[in-house]
Protein backbone atom coordinates (compact mmCIF):
# COMPACT_ATOMS: atom_id res chain seq x y z
CA MET A 1 -29.73 33.80 27.16
CA GLU A 2 -28.99 34.73 23.41
CA ASN A 3 -26.10 36.66 24.75
CA VAL A 4 -24.62 33.86 26.72
CA ARG A 5 -24.29 31.71 23.88
CA ARG A 6 -22.65 34.77 22.03
CA TYR A 7 -20.09 35.31 24.01
CA ARG A 8 -19.36 31.90 24.17
CA ALA A 9 -19.09 31.81 20.34
CA LEU A 10 -16.93 34.72 20.82
CA ALA A 11 -14.83 32.93 23.05
CA SER A 12 -14.21 29.42 21.65
CA LEU A 13 -13.37 31.06 17.97
CA CYS A 14 -10.62 33.11 20.52
CA ARG A 15 -9.16 29.88 21.75
CA GLN A 16 -9.03 28.49 17.99
CA GLN A 17 -7.66 31.86 16.91
CA ALA A 18 -4.62 31.35 19.51
CA ALA A 19 -4.07 28.06 18.23
CA TYR A 20 -2.96 29.08 14.67
CA ARG A 21 -1.26 32.24 15.39
CA PRO A 22 1.81 31.84 18.53
CA LEU A 23 2.54 35.31 18.38
CA GLN A 24 -0.89 36.78 19.71
CA ASN A 25 -2.24 33.92 21.76
CA TRP A 26 -1.96 35.95 24.81
CA GLN A 27 -4.16 37.99 23.98
CA LEU A 28 -6.56 35.90 22.15
CA LEU A 29 -6.36 34.41 25.47
CA GLY A 30 -7.08 37.27 27.52
CA GLN A 31 -10.09 38.10 25.51
CA ALA A 32 -11.38 34.63 25.67
CA GLU A 33 -11.36 34.92 29.06
CA HIS A 34 -12.92 38.57 29.05
CA PHE A 35 -15.35 37.15 26.94
CA GLU A 36 -16.34 33.86 29.17
CA HIS A 37 -16.27 36.04 32.38
CA LEU A 38 -19.53 38.14 30.23
CA ALA A 39 -21.23 35.16 30.34
CA GLU A 40 -20.98 34.51 32.92
CA ILE A 41 -22.02 37.87 34.05
CA ALA A 42 -25.10 37.52 31.92
CA LEU A 43 -26.05 34.50 32.99
CA LYS A 44 -25.89 35.40 36.17
CA ALA A 45 -28.28 38.04 35.49
CA HIS A 46 -30.62 35.51 33.70
CA PHE A 47 -31.08 33.17 36.75
CA GLU A 48 -31.24 36.44 39.12
CA ALA A 49 -33.92 38.04 36.78
CA CYS A 50 -36.04 33.97 37.08
CA ASN A 51 -35.55 34.16 40.36
CA ALA A 52 -36.93 37.23 41.37
CA GLN A 53 -40.35 36.61 39.09
CA ARG A 54 -40.34 33.08 40.81
CA ASP A 55 -40.61 34.77 44.17
CA GLN A 56 -43.36 37.62 42.95
CA ASP A 57 -44.96 34.68 41.47
CA ALA A 58 -45.14 32.86 44.96
CA VAL A 59 -45.74 35.78 47.24
CA ALA A 60 -49.26 36.63 44.53
CA ALA A 61 -50.62 32.88 44.76
CA ALA A 62 -49.95 32.91 48.39
CA ALA A 63 -52.16 36.58 48.78
CA TRP A 64 -54.69 34.90 46.68
CA GLU A 65 -54.55 31.80 49.07
CA THR A 66 -54.74 33.03 52.49
CA PRO A 67 -58.57 32.87 53.73
CA VAL A 68 -60.28 36.49 54.42
CA ALA A 69 -62.14 37.19 57.46
CA ALA A 70 -65.72 38.24 56.98
């Protein structure tokens, strides 16, 4: 999640700089879009990892709850 915050902060800085540098604003806005894309990728990876862990925990819990025929 730290990377997501970092990427979004960088995107914000690029947008702020674009407001003050009209000759470079297209390049800075492109960089901001790139950082937002990286943030989305990192966020998606984080939630996929969380969901995978939750699914593994559910399978492990179900295995403990399954009665064993004696």
